[in-house]
Amino acid sequence: MLLDEELKQIHHRKEYKNYVFNNFYPLGNGKIYIRDRLYVFKIRGLSYDFINKMSKCLSMLKSDNFKVVSICGKEIKQKYIKELYTMIPLIVTIDSKPWLQDDDLDVFKRRLEDNLEKKYKSFFNEEINVRDKFIQEIKFKNIKPMHFNYKDIKLIRNKVSIEVQDNEEA
């Protein structure tokens, strides 16, 4: 993102980002990357212009650590969503403390819905109300919470599957 002035500004802003990305995969045994192997890196975003600029910057990228050999893109049309699942575990906090699986599930659900409403407003400059209209059911995909060390803090996170309600708002 630092190779483009507009992307550089987006990168440094303290706001919701309208894109997500994952780590290089597949990760080998021992969770290490192996020299001369091909890995995939995905970026997904709401803006065609953003994705197009990222593609151009990736094609210009020079590094001693890796080489970009291919870039492809595809537009995914909006469609009816029945289920969402986390590829990367999510973190939910209540009063700066981690939410745990034996805590109130309604609080967890409410935090996700509040977050969805804030992000929707940020991206589309439009208010929406999804309270009790979006999440039908939440299933945890991990038996016990996972932790993630960030700035000397151990953050608790979970992988979930969310069944989406069958209504217009959802």
Protein backbone atom coordinates (compact mmCIF):
# COMPACT_ATOMS: atom_id res chain seq x y z
CA MET A 1 0.00 0.00 0.00
CA LEU A 2 2.97 2.30 0.48
CA LEU A 3 3.65 2.24 -3.28
CA ASP A 4 0.54 4.36 -3.99
CA GLU A 5 -0.19 7.72 -2.34
CA GLU A 6 -3.94 7.14 -1.96
CA LEU A 7 -3.44 3.61 -0.57
CA LYS A 8 -0.78 4.94 1.81
CA GLN A 9 -3.32 7.40 3.24
CA ILE A 10 -5.92 4.63 3.63
CA HIS A 11 -3.34 2.44 5.36
CA HIS A 12 -2.55 5.07 7.99
CA ARG A 13 -6.14 6.15 8.74
CA LYS A 14 -7.68 5.01 12.02
CA GLU A 15 -10.97 3.75 10.60
CA TYR A 16 -12.71 0.55 9.56
CA LYS A 17 -11.01 -0.91 6.52
CA ASN A 18 -13.22 -2.03 3.64
CA TYR A 19 -10.89 -4.88 2.82
CA VAL A 20 -9.58 -8.03 4.47
CA PHE A 21 -6.63 -10.28 3.72
CA ASN A 22 -5.20 -13.56 4.91
CA ASN A 23 -1.73 -14.98 5.48
CA PHE A 24 0.18 -16.87 2.81
CA TYR A 25 -1.13 -20.42 2.49
CA PRO A 26 -0.85 -23.38 2.54
CA LEU A 27 1.38 -23.30 5.58
CA GLY A 28 3.67 -26.33 5.69
CA ASN A 29 4.36 -28.78 8.50
CA GLY A 30 5.95 -27.05 11.44
CA LYS A 31 4.11 -23.86 10.43
CA ILE A 32 7.03 -22.57 8.35
CA TYR A 33 7.30 -21.32 4.80
CA ILE A 34 9.61 -23.26 2.49
CA ARG A 35 11.86 -21.63 -0.09
CA ASP A 36 10.82 -21.95 -3.77
CA ARG A 37 7.25 -23.04 -3.01
CA LEU A 38 4.16 -21.26 -4.26
CA TYR A 39 1.81 -19.66 -1.75
CA VAL A 40 -1.52 -17.89 -2.18
CA PHE A 41 -2.36 -14.52 -0.63
CA LYS A 42 -5.95 -13.28 -0.90
CA ILE A 43 -7.27 -9.75 -0.56
CA ARG A 44 -11.01 -9.11 -0.60
CA GLY A 45 -12.57 -5.66 -0.68
CA LEU A 46 -15.70 -3.65 -1.30
CA SER A 47 -14.12 -1.25 -3.81
CA TYR A 48 -13.11 -2.22 -7.33
CA ASP A 49 -10.71 0.77 -7.47
CA PHE A 50 -8.99 -0.32 -4.26
CA ILE A 51 -8.50 -3.90 -5.48
CA ASN A 52 -7.27 -2.65 -8.86
CA LYS A 53 -4.70 -0.35 -7.21
CA MET A 54 -3.56 -3.16 -4.90
CA SER A 55 -3.06 -5.43 -7.93
CA LYS A 56 -0.91 -2.79 -9.64
CA CYS A 57 1.16 -2.24 -6.49
CA LEU A 58 1.69 -5.97 -6.00
CA SER A 59 2.90 -6.30 -9.58
CA MET A 60 5.49 -3.54 -8.91
CA LEU A 61 6.61 -4.97 -5.57
CA LYS A 62 10.29 -5.88 -5.27
CA SER A 63 11.46 -8.02 -2.33
CA ASP A 64 14.35 -10.30 -1.47
CA ASN A 65 11.97 -12.45 0.59
CA PHE A 66 9.32 -13.33 -2.01
CA LYS A 67 8.33 -12.86 -5.63
CA VAL A 68 4.84 -12.13 -6.94
CA VAL A 69 4.37 -14.53 -9.86
CA SER A 70 0.67 -14.12 -10.60
CA ILE A 71 -2.23 -11.82 -9.79
CA CYS A 72 -5.83 -12.60 -10.60
CA GLY A 73 -9.08 -11.01 -9.63
CA LYS A 74 -12.74 -11.78 -9.82
CA GLU A 75 -15.87 -9.90 -8.96
CA ILE A 76 -18.33 -11.73 -6.75
CA LYS A 77 -21.92 -10.67 -7.23
CA GLN A 78 -24.05 -10.10 -4.16
CA LYS A 79 -26.11 -13.16 -3.36
CA TYR A 80 -28.26 -14.65 -0.66
CA ILE A 81 -26.10 -15.74 2.28
CA LYS A 82 -27.28 -18.58 4.49
CA GLU A 83 -24.12 -19.08 6.56
CA LEU A 84 -20.97 -17.14 7.42
CA TYR A 85 -17.88 -18.58 9.02
CA THR A 86 -14.64 -17.15 10.28
CA MET A 87 -11.46 -18.10 8.48
CA ILE A 88 -9.44 -16.19 11.05
CA PRO A 89 -10.69 -16.42 14.65
CA LEU A 90 -12.54 -13.36 15.92
CA ILE A 91 -12.01 -11.45 19.14
CA VAL A 92 -14.92 -10.20 21.23
CA THR A 93 -14.34 -8.10 24.34
CA ILE A 94 -16.76 -6.83 26.97
CA ASP A 95 -15.53 -3.90 29.07
CA SER A 96 -11.96 -4.54 27.85
CA LYS A 97 -12.11 -8.17 28.99
CA PRO A 98 -12.31 -11.21 26.72
CA TRP A 99 -15.67 -12.88 26.16
CA LEU A 100 -15.42 -16.58 27.13
CA GLN A 101 -17.56 -19.44 25.83
CA ASP A 102 -19.28 -19.93 29.19
CA ASP A 103 -20.32 -16.23 29.24
CA ASP A 104 -23.72 -15.02 28.00
CA LEU A 105 -24.10 -15.92 24.30
CA ASP A 106 -26.62 -13.09 23.79
CA VAL A 107 -23.89 -10.59 24.72
CA PHE A 108 -21.57 -12.16 22.14
CA LYS A 109 -24.31 -11.97 19.50
CA ARG A 110 -25.14 -8.36 20.41
CA ARG A 111 -21.46 -7.34 20.08
CA LEU A 112 -21.29 -8.88 16.60
CA GLU A 113 -24.53 -7.16 15.53
CA ASP A 114 -23.37 -3.79 16.93
CA ASN A 115 -20.09 -4.17 15.07
CA LEU A 116 -21.93 -5.03 11.84
CA GLU A 117 -24.13 -1.93 12.14
CA LYS A 118 -21.11 0.37 12.76
CA LYS A 119 -19.16 -1.05 9.83
CA TYR A 120 -22.15 -0.88 7.49
CA LYS A 121 -22.65 2.79 8.37
CA SER A 122 -18.94 3.47 7.89
CA PHE A 123 -18.81 1.78 4.46
CA PHE A 124 -22.16 2.85 3.00
CA ASN A 125 -22.93 6.04 4.99
CA GLU A 126 -26.34 4.61 5.85
CA GLU A 127 -27.90 3.44 9.13
CA ILE A 128 -29.22 -0.11 9.46
CA ASN A 129 -30.77 -2.01 12.34
CA VAL A 130 -29.98 -5.72 12.46
CA ARG A 131 -30.60 -6.30 16.19
CA ASP A 132 -32.22 -9.75 16.43
CA LYS A 133 -32.78 -9.76 12.63
CA PHE A 134 -29.47 -11.15 11.40
CA ILE A 135 -28.00 -14.00 13.45
CA GLN A 136 -30.15 -17.11 13.67
CA GLU A 137 -27.56 -19.31 15.40
CA ILE A 138 -23.87 -19.23 16.36
CA LYS A 139 -21.79 -22.41 16.50
CA PHE A 140 -18.28 -22.42 17.89
CA LYS A 141 -15.81 -24.34 15.74
CA ASN A 142 -13.11 -24.58 18.41
CA ILE A 143 -13.46 -26.69 21.54
CA LYS A 144 -11.62 -24.20 23.71
CA PRO A 145 -10.71 -20.57 23.02
CA MET A 146 -7.49 -19.86 21.14
CA HIS A 147 -5.10 -17.14 22.20
CA PHE A 148 -3.16 -14.60 20.19
CA ASN A 149 -0.32 -12.50 21.58
CA TYR A 150 -0.54 -8.86 20.55
CA LYS A 151 1.51 -6.05 22.10
CA ASP A 152 2.28 -8.10 25.21
CA ILE A 153 -1.41 -8.92 25.68
CA LYS A 154 -2.92 -12.38 25.30
CA LEU A 155 -6.14 -11.97 23.29
CA ILE A 156 -8.77 -14.72 23.40
CA ARG A 157 -10.38 -15.60 20.08
CA ASN A 158 -12.86 -18.08 18.61
CA LYS A 159 -13.77 -19.55 15.25
CA VAL A 160 -17.50 -19.46 14.63
CA SER A 161 -20.13 -20.37 12.09
CA ILE A 162 -23.13 -18.04 11.91
CA GLU A 163 -26.45 -19.14 10.46
CA VAL A 164 -28.09 -16.06 8.95
CA GLN A 165 -31.82 -15.43 9.40
CA ASP A 166 -34.08 -15.66 6.38
CA ASN A 167 -35.40 -12.10 6.10
CA GLU A 168 -34.85 -8.98 3.97
CA GLU A 169 -32.77 -7.13 6.58
CA ALA A 170 -30.34 -10.03 6.94
